[in-house]
Amino acid sequence: MGYPSKVQLIKRKESKQWYVNFPAAIAQAMDFKRGETVEWIIEDKGSLVLRRRQVPPSAMKRKRK
């Protein structure tokens, strides 16, 4: 199942900024933290990949110990 999102453009006097928001359900499932640094990778014209620089430990591995 996908989550449709809109691309927003904020125009200022001397610059433009593009925003893509994703739903809270995705952020929670991925266990994102406020201020976390991620990077965007362009796979091709149809795929934009969001990659974490530091991946937190798996919840499944924490439960096994």
Foldseek 3Di string as FASTA:
>chain_A
DDDDWDWDWDDDPPDIDIDTDDDPVVCVVQVDDPPFDWDWDDPDPVDIDIGGPDRDDDPVVVVVD
